[in-house]
């Protein structure tokens, strides 16, 4: 029988750079339900995660709040190094200290704040039970709490919180268990329980709603000590060996060597140093886009590879330097080589704009995807929301943008900060996507439906189908890309959390 199947080996043999929008995966045979699908995958050779989702080590994407939330949902966050050593160490420590039910970085106001400030927080974050401390910061004396009940009928929005807040707050002592805290909440009939140290300083917060939510994380990414896992990025510069030592002390699980072009003597020497001095630390090398680059880093001892060069939404490396590779081609070739050479997993980094791109990255060999812009608009990403032209936005910038390089991101690009820097990225904004706690389950559900349509129950099954030619692809013309997206409508409501549409809508 004549077949229209084109396997990956044939499809990618053409020598043309291919990215995710350039191809479609042909459907397979379904003989199982959605509930039979598992998304467990290898982040590194020796570390598994329940969901193939990794947040990028960018200063507008991943700090402790993102890393905690993503780990609870089965992925992992990689905390950026555009900060001091103590700051990055503290971010990792927050992940390691986290216990479900305790909010370790609650929003805090001071007595001089106003009723309007409460309404602004309600508008941005959806809640209004906010502790009030003497100086409006964490680790300061708790003097009250302001709730919706305190401000609901207050017409003077300029009134200070010292005049409206509830005083004599019921609080728990630092060190109490979740069971003890929950008992206090029930007995006091309160929704929030501030946690204070022996001097009465606010150190954390418990929320009845969060306690209920935290029963829903059976797939949390944890190590043998039952702590959430977390990764951190470092540069190849010698001074970052001190940073590495401090990160190891607080229990970092994964080190990502953050470099735009990973095939360098600097990275190879650093990988060898890490694996000899800290053999239990998992090392992700990169970035790479060719088999030759992969071999150099695998021979040096990496446990995983980060693949991508110039494919991110805020990256202009390919345009300005004329160096890089189309992401689909890069992921396929690197994954094929790494798997056959040493059974090393790869992380597809860059170019992920929607659920379909996640599916395609994994289908051509990636074990996990690293996301920047897709997560930057969430509540858990660093930074504040703002409005522009009536749209709720959050800032997002490349680590090679002038702003990020000025702060320290130039280390990633072998840049000499004493000379004129050459930006390889831009700054911009992304649309509000709400909370990671709702957004990542949406991504997970989309990926499981994709796997079912392809006919594979697991990511290893998908990779096996890729290897033996059962997974088939078809090139897409521009017209096909347009046809596969929303078209021929006067207007429509986008249901995809503000995700970027990669094809042309008519």
Protein backbone atom coordinates (compact mmCIF):
# COMPACT_ATOMS: atom_id res chain seq x y z
CA UNK A 1 0.00 0.00 0.00
CA UNK A 2 1.30 3.43 -0.91
CA UNK A 3 2.01 5.49 2.22
CA UNK A 4 2.18 9.21 2.89
CA UNK A 5 4.30 8.74 6.00
CA UNK A 6 7.54 10.73 6.34
CA UNK A 7 9.71 9.80 9.30
CA UNK A 8 11.95 12.28 11.13
CA UNK A 9 15.16 11.03 9.55
CA UNK A 10 13.77 11.71 6.08
CA UNK A 11 12.09 14.96 7.03
CA UNK A 12 15.15 16.56 8.64
CA UNK A 13 17.58 15.28 5.99
CA UNK A 14 16.71 18.13 3.60
CA UNK A 15 19.31 20.47 5.10
CA UNK A 16 16.80 23.30 5.48
CA UNK A 17 16.49 24.94 8.89
CA UNK A 18 13.11 23.97 10.31
CA UNK A 19 11.30 25.45 13.27
CA UNK A 20 8.11 24.38 15.05
CA UNK A 21 5.62 26.15 12.79
CA UNK A 22 7.16 24.56 9.69
CA UNK A 23 5.82 21.06 10.36
CA UNK A 24 2.88 19.13 11.75
CA UNK A 25 2.80 15.69 13.38
CA UNK A 26 0.55 13.14 11.70
CA UNK A 27 -2.01 11.41 13.95
CA UNK A 28 -1.56 7.87 15.24
CA UNK A 29 -3.86 5.19 16.68
CA UNK A 30 -5.70 5.76 20.00
CA UNK A 31 -6.33 2.73 22.21
CA UNK A 32 -6.10 4.37 25.66
CA UNK A 33 -7.71 7.18 27.64
CA UNK A 34 -6.27 10.52 28.74
CA UNK A 35 -5.97 9.15 32.29
CA UNK A 36 -3.49 6.50 31.09
CA UNK A 37 -0.95 9.13 30.01
CA UNK A 38 2.15 9.89 32.08
CA UNK A 39 4.30 12.99 31.50
CA UNK A 40 7.19 11.86 33.71
CA UNK A 41 10.52 12.55 32.05
CA UNK A 42 14.27 12.80 32.61
CA UNK A 43 15.46 16.33 33.26
CA UNK A 44 19.00 14.99 33.48
CA UNK A 45 20.46 11.51 33.17
CA UNK A 46 19.79 10.84 36.84
CA UNK A 47 16.96 13.19 37.78
CA UNK A 48 13.32 12.69 36.83
CA UNK A 49 10.45 15.18 37.05
CA UNK A 50 6.72 14.51 36.72
CA UNK A 51 6.12 17.24 34.15
CA UNK A 52 8.50 18.32 31.34
CA UNK A 53 8.32 22.02 32.26
CA UNK A 54 11.37 24.12 33.15
CA UNK A 55 11.41 27.88 33.73
CA UNK A 56 14.23 29.88 32.18
CA UNK A 57 16.98 31.44 34.35
CA UNK A 58 16.01 34.99 33.42
CA UNK A 59 15.57 37.86 35.86
CA UNK A 60 12.02 38.51 34.62
CA UNK A 61 11.05 34.83 34.82
CA UNK A 62 12.51 32.81 37.70
CA UNK A 63 13.06 33.58 41.33
CA UNK A 64 11.89 31.57 44.34
CA UNK A 65 8.19 32.22 43.89
CA UNK A 66 8.24 30.79 40.36
CA UNK A 67 10.54 27.92 41.35
CA UNK A 68 8.30 26.91 44.27
CA UNK A 69 5.12 26.99 42.22
CA UNK A 70 6.59 25.10 39.28
CA UNK A 71 8.11 22.44 41.54
CA UNK A 72 4.74 21.95 43.26
CA UNK A 73 3.26 21.29 39.83
CA UNK A 74 5.89 18.72 38.86
CA UNK A 75 8.39 20.87 36.95
CA UNK A 76 11.46 22.79 38.06
CA UNK A 77 12.56 26.43 38.16
CA UNK A 78 16.11 27.60 37.39
CA UNK A 79 16.92 30.75 39.38
CA UNK A 80 18.89 33.41 37.50
CA UNK A 81 22.29 34.82 38.50
CA UNK A 82 21.65 38.48 37.64
CA UNK A 83 22.07 39.20 41.35
CA UNK A 84 24.63 38.94 44.13
CA UNK A 85 25.74 35.58 45.50
CA UNK A 86 23.81 36.07 48.79
CA UNK A 87 20.67 37.03 46.85
CA UNK A 88 20.75 33.94 44.62
CA UNK A 89 21.56 31.71 47.59
CA UNK A 90 18.60 33.13 49.50
CA UNK A 91 16.28 32.43 46.56
CA UNK A 92 17.36 28.77 46.54
CA UNK A 93 17.04 28.65 50.34
CA UNK A 94 13.43 29.85 50.12
CA UNK A 95 12.59 26.94 47.82
CA UNK A 96 14.30 24.49 50.14
CA UNK A 97 12.60 25.89 53.25
CA UNK A 98 9.19 25.90 51.65
CA UNK A 99 6.49 23.79 53.25
CA UNK A 100 3.08 23.49 51.62
CA UNK A 101 0.64 25.83 53.31
CA UNK A 102 3.11 28.49 54.46
CA UNK A 103 3.43 31.66 52.37
CA UNK A 104 7.07 32.59 52.91
CA UNK A 105 6.88 35.92 51.05
CA UNK A 106 3.47 37.40 51.81
CA UNK A 107 2.53 40.84 50.57
CA UNK A 108 2.87 43.26 53.48
CA UNK A 109 1.68 46.85 54.01
CA UNK A 110 2.51 49.49 56.60
CA UNK A 111 0.33 51.79 58.72
CA UNK A 112 0.98 54.70 56.34
CA UNK A 113 -0.39 52.80 53.35
CA UNK A 114 -3.93 53.67 52.30
CA UNK A 115 -7.22 51.94 51.57
CA UNK A 116 -6.50 52.51 47.88
CA UNK A 117 -3.33 50.39 48.20
CA UNK A 118 -5.47 47.50 49.42
CA UNK A 119 -7.79 47.86 46.41
CA UNK A 120 -4.79 47.90 44.04
CA UNK A 121 -3.50 44.65 45.54
CA UNK A 122 -6.97 43.16 45.27
CA UNK A 123 -7.07 44.16 41.60
CA UNK A 124 -3.63 42.68 40.81
CA UNK A 125 -3.59 39.58 43.02
CA UNK A 126 -7.20 38.79 43.79
CA UNK A 127 -7.03 38.91 47.60
CA UNK A 128 -7.20 41.50 50.35
CA UNK A 129 -6.18 39.86 53.64
CA UNK A 130 -2.85 41.66 54.12
CA UNK A 131 -0.65 41.80 57.25
CA UNK A 132 0.38 45.25 58.46
CA UNK A 133 3.81 45.70 60.05
CA UNK A 134 5.57 48.70 61.55
CA UNK A 135 7.66 49.41 58.44
CA UNK A 136 5.50 47.69 55.83
CA UNK A 137 7.97 44.86 55.30
CA UNK A 138 8.47 41.23 56.26
CA UNK A 139 10.51 40.57 59.45
CA UNK A 140 9.07 43.71 61.07
CA UNK A 141 6.74 43.92 64.09
CA UNK A 142 3.21 42.77 63.26
CA UNK A 143 0.70 45.46 64.30
CA UNK A 144 -2.47 44.43 62.48
CA UNK A 145 -4.15 42.96 59.43
CA UNK A 146 -6.43 44.56 56.86
CA UNK A 147 -9.19 42.46 55.31
CA UNK A 148 -12.02 43.03 52.88
CA UNK A 149 -14.34 43.56 55.83
CA UNK A 150 -12.18 46.48 57.02
CA UNK A 151 -12.35 48.42 53.74
CA UNK A 152 -15.57 47.32 52.02
CA UNK A 153 -17.63 50.35 53.06
CA UNK A 154 -14.79 52.85 53.33
CA UNK A 155 -15.39 55.66 50.84
CA UNK A 156 -12.22 57.62 51.64
CA UNK A 157 -9.55 55.79 49.66
CA UNK A 158 -6.82 58.00 51.10
CA UNK A 159 -7.50 56.90 54.69
CA UNK A 160 -4.45 55.31 56.31
CA UNK A 161 -4.51 51.65 57.28
CA UNK A 162 -3.66 52.56 60.87
CA UNK A 163 -7.22 53.92 61.07
CA UNK A 164 -9.03 50.93 59.54
CA UNK A 165 -6.97 47.79 60.16
CA UNK A 166 -7.88 45.07 62.65
CA UNK A 167 -5.59 45.14 65.66
CA UNK A 168 -4.94 42.47 68.26
CA UNK A 169 -4.37 39.89 65.53
CA UNK A 170 -4.43 36.16 66.26
CA UNK A 171 -0.99 34.86 65.24
CA UNK A 172 0.94 31.61 65.26
CA UNK A 173 4.49 31.13 66.50
CA UNK A 174 7.26 30.34 64.05
CA UNK A 175 7.89 26.61 63.95
CA UNK A 176 4.28 25.48 64.27
CA UNK A 177 3.12 22.65 62.04
CA UNK A 178 0.46 22.82 59.37
CA UNK A 179 -1.88 20.82 61.61
CA UNK A 180 -1.39 23.25 64.51
CA UNK A 181 -1.85 26.28 62.25
CA UNK A 182 -4.97 24.83 60.67
CA UNK A 183 -6.42 24.21 64.15
CA UNK A 184 -5.88 27.88 65.09
CA UNK A 185 -7.54 29.01 61.84
CA UNK A 186 -10.57 26.83 62.53
CA UNK A 187 -10.93 27.95 66.14
CA UNK A 188 -10.48 31.65 65.33
CA UNK A 189 -12.69 31.42 62.23
CA UNK A 190 -10.10 33.48 60.34
CA UNK A 191 -8.95 33.14 56.76
CA UNK A 192 -5.32 34.19 57.35
CA UNK A 193 -2.90 33.36 60.15
CA UNK A 194 0.23 35.53 60.44
CA UNK A 195 3.28 33.62 61.73
CA UNK A 196 5.60 35.61 64.00
CA UNK A 197 8.93 34.97 65.69
CA UNK A 198 9.57 35.28 69.44
CA UNK A 199 9.90 39.06 69.08
CA UNK A 200 6.57 39.45 67.29
CA UNK A 201 8.10 40.01 63.85
CA UNK A 202 6.14 38.69 60.87
CA UNK A 203 8.02 35.82 59.19
CA UNK A 204 5.34 34.12 57.08
CA UNK A 205 1.61 33.67 56.61
CA UNK A 206 -0.86 30.78 56.48
CA UNK A 207 -4.01 30.97 54.38
CA UNK A 208 -7.03 28.70 54.64
CA UNK A 209 -7.47 28.83 50.86
CA UNK A 210 -3.82 27.89 50.28
CA UNK A 211 -4.10 25.00 52.74
CA UNK A 212 -6.97 23.65 50.68
CA UNK A 213 -5.05 24.15 47.44
CA UNK A 214 -1.89 22.50 48.74
CA UNK A 215 -3.61 19.13 49.01
CA UNK A 216 -3.63 19.13 45.22
CA UNK A 217 0.10 18.69 44.51
CA UNK A 218 0.70 14.93 44.40
CA UNK A 219 3.22 15.34 41.56
CA UNK A 220 5.50 17.85 43.28
CA UNK A 221 9.18 17.62 42.31
CA UNK A 222 11.04 16.64 45.50
CA UNK A 223 14.41 15.21 46.45
CA UNK A 224 15.15 12.37 48.90
CA UNK A 225 14.86 14.80 51.82
CA UNK A 226 11.30 15.61 50.71
CA UNK A 227 12.33 19.16 49.80
CA UNK A 228 11.21 20.80 46.59
CA UNK A 229 13.96 20.62 43.98
CA UNK A 230 15.44 23.74 42.43
CA UNK A 231 18.13 24.70 39.96
CA UNK A 232 20.38 27.72 39.65
CA UNK A 233 22.35 29.18 36.77
CA UNK A 234 25.97 30.26 36.92
CA UNK A 235 28.37 31.70 34.37
CA UNK A 236 31.65 30.19 33.20
CA UNK A 237 33.71 32.90 34.85
CA UNK A 238 36.14 31.83 37.57
CA UNK A 239 34.49 34.09 40.16
CA UNK A 240 31.30 32.07 39.86
CA UNK A 241 33.02 29.08 41.44
CA UNK A 242 32.48 30.89 44.74
CA UNK A 243 28.80 31.27 43.79
CA UNK A 244 28.66 27.55 43.02
CA UNK A 245 30.12 26.62 46.42
CA UNK A 246 27.52 28.70 48.26
CA UNK A 247 24.66 27.26 46.18
CA UNK A 248 25.81 23.72 46.97
CA UNK A 249 25.80 24.53 50.70
CA UNK A 250 22.07 25.34 50.62
CA UNK A 251 21.15 22.22 48.67
CA UNK A 252 20.80 23.25 45.02
CA UNK A 253 19.88 20.16 42.97
CA UNK A 254 20.78 21.26 39.45
CA UNK A 255 23.36 23.69 38.09
CA UNK A 256 22.70 25.18 34.66
CA UNK A 257 25.80 26.66 33.05
CA UNK A 258 24.35 29.69 31.35
CA UNK A 259 26.16 30.51 28.14
CA UNK A 260 24.90 31.58 24.73
CA UNK A 261 27.49 29.35 22.99
CA UNK A 262 28.38 26.40 25.17
CA UNK A 263 31.19 24.82 23.16
CA UNK A 264 34.04 26.66 24.84
CA UNK A 265 37.14 25.79 26.83
CA UNK A 266 35.68 27.85 29.68
CA UNK A 267 32.56 25.70 29.97
CA UNK A 268 34.39 22.42 29.45
CA UNK A 269 36.81 23.26 32.28
CA UNK A 270 33.93 24.30 34.54
CA UNK A 271 31.99 21.08 33.89
CA UNK A 272 35.06 19.00 34.77
CA UNK A 273 35.57 21.08 37.92
CA UNK A 274 31.96 20.67 39.08
CA UNK A 275 31.83 16.92 38.43
CA UNK A 276 35.12 16.33 40.26
CA UNK A 277 34.36 18.54 43.28
CA UNK A 278 30.57 18.04 43.55
CA UNK A 279 29.81 14.69 41.87
CA UNK A 280 26.23 14.56 43.17
CA UNK A 281 25.22 17.86 41.58
CA UNK A 282 23.45 17.47 38.25
CA UNK A 283 24.96 19.70 35.57
CA UNK A 284 23.12 21.04 32.52
CA UNK A 285 25.49 22.28 29.84
CA UNK A 286 24.80 24.54 26.89
CA UNK A 287 23.62 26.20 24.93
CA UNK A 288 24.27 23.97 21.93
CA UNK A 289 22.69 23.44 18.50
CA UNK A 290 25.01 20.95 16.77
CA UNK A 291 26.21 17.40 17.38
CA UNK A 292 29.81 18.61 17.56
CA UNK A 293 28.95 20.98 20.39
CA UNK A 294 27.03 18.22 22.18
CA UNK A 295 29.99 15.83 22.01
CA UNK A 296 32.34 18.36 23.61
CA UNK A 297 30.10 18.88 26.62
CA UNK A 298 29.10 15.21 26.98
CA UNK A 299 32.76 14.21 26.98
CA UNK A 300 33.35 16.80 29.71
CA UNK A 301 30.69 15.12 31.89
CA UNK A 302 27.32 16.92 31.59
CA UNK A 303 24.14 15.21 32.77
CA UNK A 304 21.85 17.10 30.36
CA UNK A 305 22.09 19.55 27.48
CA UNK A 306 20.27 22.81 26.87
CA UNK A 307 19.54 23.27 23.18
CA UNK A 308 18.82 26.57 21.42
CA UNK A 309 20.63 29.58 20.05
CA UNK A 310 18.80 32.68 18.95
CA UNK A 311 15.28 31.22 18.91
CA UNK A 312 13.79 33.00 21.94
CA UNK A 313 11.17 35.69 21.43
CA UNK A 314 13.45 38.39 22.85
CA UNK A 315 16.71 37.05 21.36
CA UNK A 316 18.29 38.65 18.28
CA UNK A 317 21.50 36.57 18.15
CA UNK A 318 20.70 35.00 14.76
CA UNK A 319 19.89 38.39 13.29
CA UNK A 320 22.86 40.31 14.67
CA UNK A 321 25.60 37.67 14.70
CA UNK A 322 24.43 35.41 11.83
CA UNK A 323 25.14 32.44 14.11
CA UNK A 324 22.66 29.93 15.49
CA UNK A 325 20.20 27.39 14.14
CA UNK A 326 16.49 26.93 13.53
CA UNK A 327 15.11 25.41 16.72
CA UNK A 328 13.28 22.39 15.31
CA UNK A 329 16.38 21.26 13.43
CA UNK A 330 18.62 21.97 16.43
CA UNK A 331 16.49 19.97 18.85
CA UNK A 332 16.16 16.98 16.51
CA UNK A 333 19.87 16.73 15.66
CA UNK A 334 21.15 17.35 19.19
CA UNK A 335 18.66 14.96 20.76
CA UNK A 336 19.48 12.23 18.23
CA UNK A 337 23.20 12.53 18.81
CA UNK A 338 22.99 12.84 22.61
CA UNK A 339 20.68 9.82 22.86
CA UNK A 340 22.79 7.59 20.62
CA UNK A 341 26.17 8.75 21.95
CA UNK A 342 25.57 8.67 25.71
CA UNK A 343 21.83 8.50 26.44
CA UNK A 344 21.88 12.11 27.64
CA UNK A 345 18.54 13.98 27.71
CA UNK A 346 18.17 17.44 26.22
CA UNK A 347 16.10 20.48 27.21
CA UNK A 348 14.63 22.48 24.32
CA UNK A 349 15.26 26.14 25.18
CA UNK A 350 13.57 28.88 23.17
CA UNK A 351 10.82 29.36 20.64
CA UNK A 352 8.03 27.88 22.78
CA UNK A 353 4.96 30.06 22.20
CA UNK A 354 2.09 27.60 22.78
CA UNK A 355 1.15 24.05 23.74
CA UNK A 356 1.68 22.83 20.18
CA UNK A 357 5.29 23.96 20.30
CA UNK A 358 5.82 22.02 23.54
CA UNK A 359 4.46 18.89 21.85
CA UNK A 360 6.64 19.37 18.78
CA UNK A 361 9.81 19.99 20.82
CA UNK A 362 9.28 16.75 22.72
CA UNK A 363 8.22 14.87 19.58
CA UNK A 364 11.55 15.66 17.88
CA UNK A 365 13.56 14.44 20.86
CA UNK A 366 13.50 16.87 23.80
CA UNK A 367 12.85 15.42 27.25
CA UNK A 368 11.76 18.79 28.64
CA UNK A 369 11.12 22.34 27.46
CA UNK A 370 12.51 25.52 28.96
CA UNK A 371 10.10 28.46 28.83
CA UNK A 372 10.71 32.17 29.17
CA UNK A 373 8.07 34.41 27.57
CA UNK A 374 5.36 31.79 28.10
CA UNK A 375 5.79 32.08 31.89
CA UNK A 376 6.94 35.70 32.20
CA UNK A 377 3.39 37.07 32.28
CA UNK A 378 2.30 34.94 35.23
CA UNK A 379 1.74 36.21 38.74
CA UNK A 380 4.70 34.22 40.08
CA UNK A 381 7.25 35.81 37.72
CA UNK A 382 9.34 38.68 39.17
CA UNK A 383 8.13 42.21 38.56
CA UNK A 384 4.93 44.20 38.80
CA UNK A 385 2.00 44.41 36.42
CA UNK A 386 1.12 47.63 34.67
CA UNK A 387 -1.50 48.82 32.19
CA UNK A 388 -0.80 50.05 28.68
CA UNK A 389 -3.59 50.82 26.23
CA UNK A 390 -5.97 49.01 28.55
CA UNK A 391 -3.93 45.76 28.54
CA UNK A 392 -2.53 44.20 31.73
CA UNK A 393 1.19 43.61 31.09
CA UNK A 394 4.41 42.54 32.76
CA UNK A 395 7.94 43.46 31.70
CA UNK A 396 10.03 40.78 30.00
CA UNK A 397 13.59 41.19 28.82
CA UNK A 398 16.33 39.07 27.31
CA UNK A 399 19.45 38.44 29.37
CA UNK A 400 21.38 40.00 26.48
CA UNK A 401 19.24 43.12 26.38
CA UNK A 402 21.09 46.34 27.28
CA UNK A 403 19.20 46.59 30.62
CA UNK A 404 19.97 43.02 31.71
CA UNK A 405 23.59 43.16 30.54
CA UNK A 406 24.13 46.31 32.56
CA UNK A 407 22.95 44.46 35.66
CA UNK A 408 25.14 41.41 35.06
CA UNK A 409 23.69 39.34 32.23
CA UNK A 410 26.74 40.06 30.05
CA UNK A 411 28.53 37.17 31.81
CA UNK A 412 26.46 34.82 29.65
CA UNK A 413 27.94 36.22 26.46
CA UNK A 414 31.66 36.35 27.29
CA UNK A 415 31.26 40.12 27.26
CA UNK A 416 33.91 42.47 28.57
CA UNK A 417 31.89 45.01 30.53
CA UNK A 418 34.77 47.47 30.39
CA UNK A 419 34.26 47.74 26.64
CA UNK A 420 31.25 48.54 24.52
CA UNK A 421 28.65 45.80 25.01
CA UNK A 422 26.90 44.27 22.01
CA UNK A 423 23.26 43.47 22.81
CA UNK A 424 21.84 40.18 21.54
CA UNK A 425 18.39 40.66 23.04
CA UNK A 426 15.62 43.18 23.58
CA UNK A 427 13.22 44.28 26.32
CA UNK A 428 9.47 44.11 25.95
CA UNK A 429 6.26 43.13 27.70
CA UNK A 430 3.99 40.10 27.87
CA UNK A 431 0.29 39.79 28.61
CA UNK A 432 -0.96 38.78 32.07
CA UNK A 433 -1.59 35.01 32.16
CA UNK A 434 -2.78 34.80 35.76
CA UNK A 435 -1.25 32.32 38.17
CA UNK A 436 1.09 29.45 37.35
CA UNK A 437 -1.26 27.30 39.45
CA UNK A 438 -3.88 27.61 36.71
CA UNK A 439 -1.64 28.10 33.67
CA UNK A 440 0.67 25.10 33.98
CA UNK A 441 -2.24 22.63 34.44
CA UNK A 442 -3.60 24.09 31.19
CA UNK A 443 -0.29 23.33 29.47
CA UNK A 444 -0.25 19.84 30.98
CA UNK A 445 -3.76 19.07 29.79
CA UNK A 446 -2.97 20.27 26.28
CA UNK A 447 0.16 18.10 26.14
CA UNK A 448 -1.71 14.98 27.28
CA UNK A 449 -4.33 15.48 24.56
CA UNK A 450 -1.52 15.87 22.02
CA UNK A 451 0.10 12.60 23.11
CA UNK A 452 -3.24 10.82 22.87
CA UNK A 453 -3.80 12.08 19.32
CA UNK A 454 -0.31 10.92 18.37
CA UNK A 455 -0.98 7.54 19.99
CA UNK A 456 1.71 7.52 22.71
CA UNK A 457 1.11 7.07 26.45
CA UNK A 458 4.45 8.41 27.69
CA UNK A 459 7.31 10.65 26.62
CA UNK A 460 9.68 7.63 26.33
CA UNK A 461 7.03 5.98 24.08
CA UNK A 462 7.00 9.11 21.93
CA UNK A 463 10.79 9.06 21.64
CA UNK A 464 10.73 5.36 20.77
CA UNK A 465 8.23 6.09 17.99
CA UNK A 466 10.56 8.86 16.76
CA UNK A 467 13.52 6.48 16.66
CA UNK A 468 11.85 3.58 14.86
CA UNK A 469 10.04 5.72 12.26
CA UNK A 470 6.47 5.27 13.53
CA UNK A 471 6.23 9.00 14.27
CA UNK A 472 5.53 10.87 11.05
CA UNK A 473 5.78 14.49 9.98
CA UNK A 474 4.61 16.76 7.19
CA UNK A 475 5.96 20.10 6.04
CA UNK A 476 3.53 23.02 6.26
CA UNK A 477 3.21 25.78 3.70
CA UNK A 478 2.34 29.30 4.82
CA UNK A 479 -1.21 28.64 3.65
CA UNK A 480 -1.33 25.45 5.71
CA UNK A 481 -0.13 27.33 8.77
CA UNK A 482 -2.86 29.90 8.24
CA UNK A 483 -5.48 27.21 7.73
CA UNK A 484 -4.40 25.47 10.97
CA UNK A 485 -5.01 28.60 13.03
CA UNK A 486 -8.11 30.72 13.51
CA UNK A 487 -9.13 32.24 10.18
CA UNK A 488 -12.03 33.64 8.17
CA UNK A 489 -13.64 35.29 11.20
CA UNK A 490 -14.48 38.94 11.74
CA UNK A 491 -13.54 38.60 15.41
CA UNK A 492 -12.97 35.87 17.98
CA UNK A 493 -12.20 35.36 21.66
CA UNK A 494 -8.78 33.80 22.29
CA UNK A 495 -9.14 31.12 25.01
CA UNK A 496 -5.41 30.44 25.40
CA UNK A 497 -4.35 32.61 28.38
CA UNK A 498 -3.03 35.32 26.07
CA UNK A 499 -0.61 32.91 24.41
CA UNK A 500 1.20 34.07 21.27
CA UNK A 501 -0.39 32.98 18.02
CA UNK A 502 2.34 31.89 15.64
CA UNK A 503 0.35 31.80 12.41
CA UNK A 504 -1.56 34.45 10.49
CA UNK A 505 -5.20 34.99 11.34
CA UNK A 506 -7.53 36.06 8.57
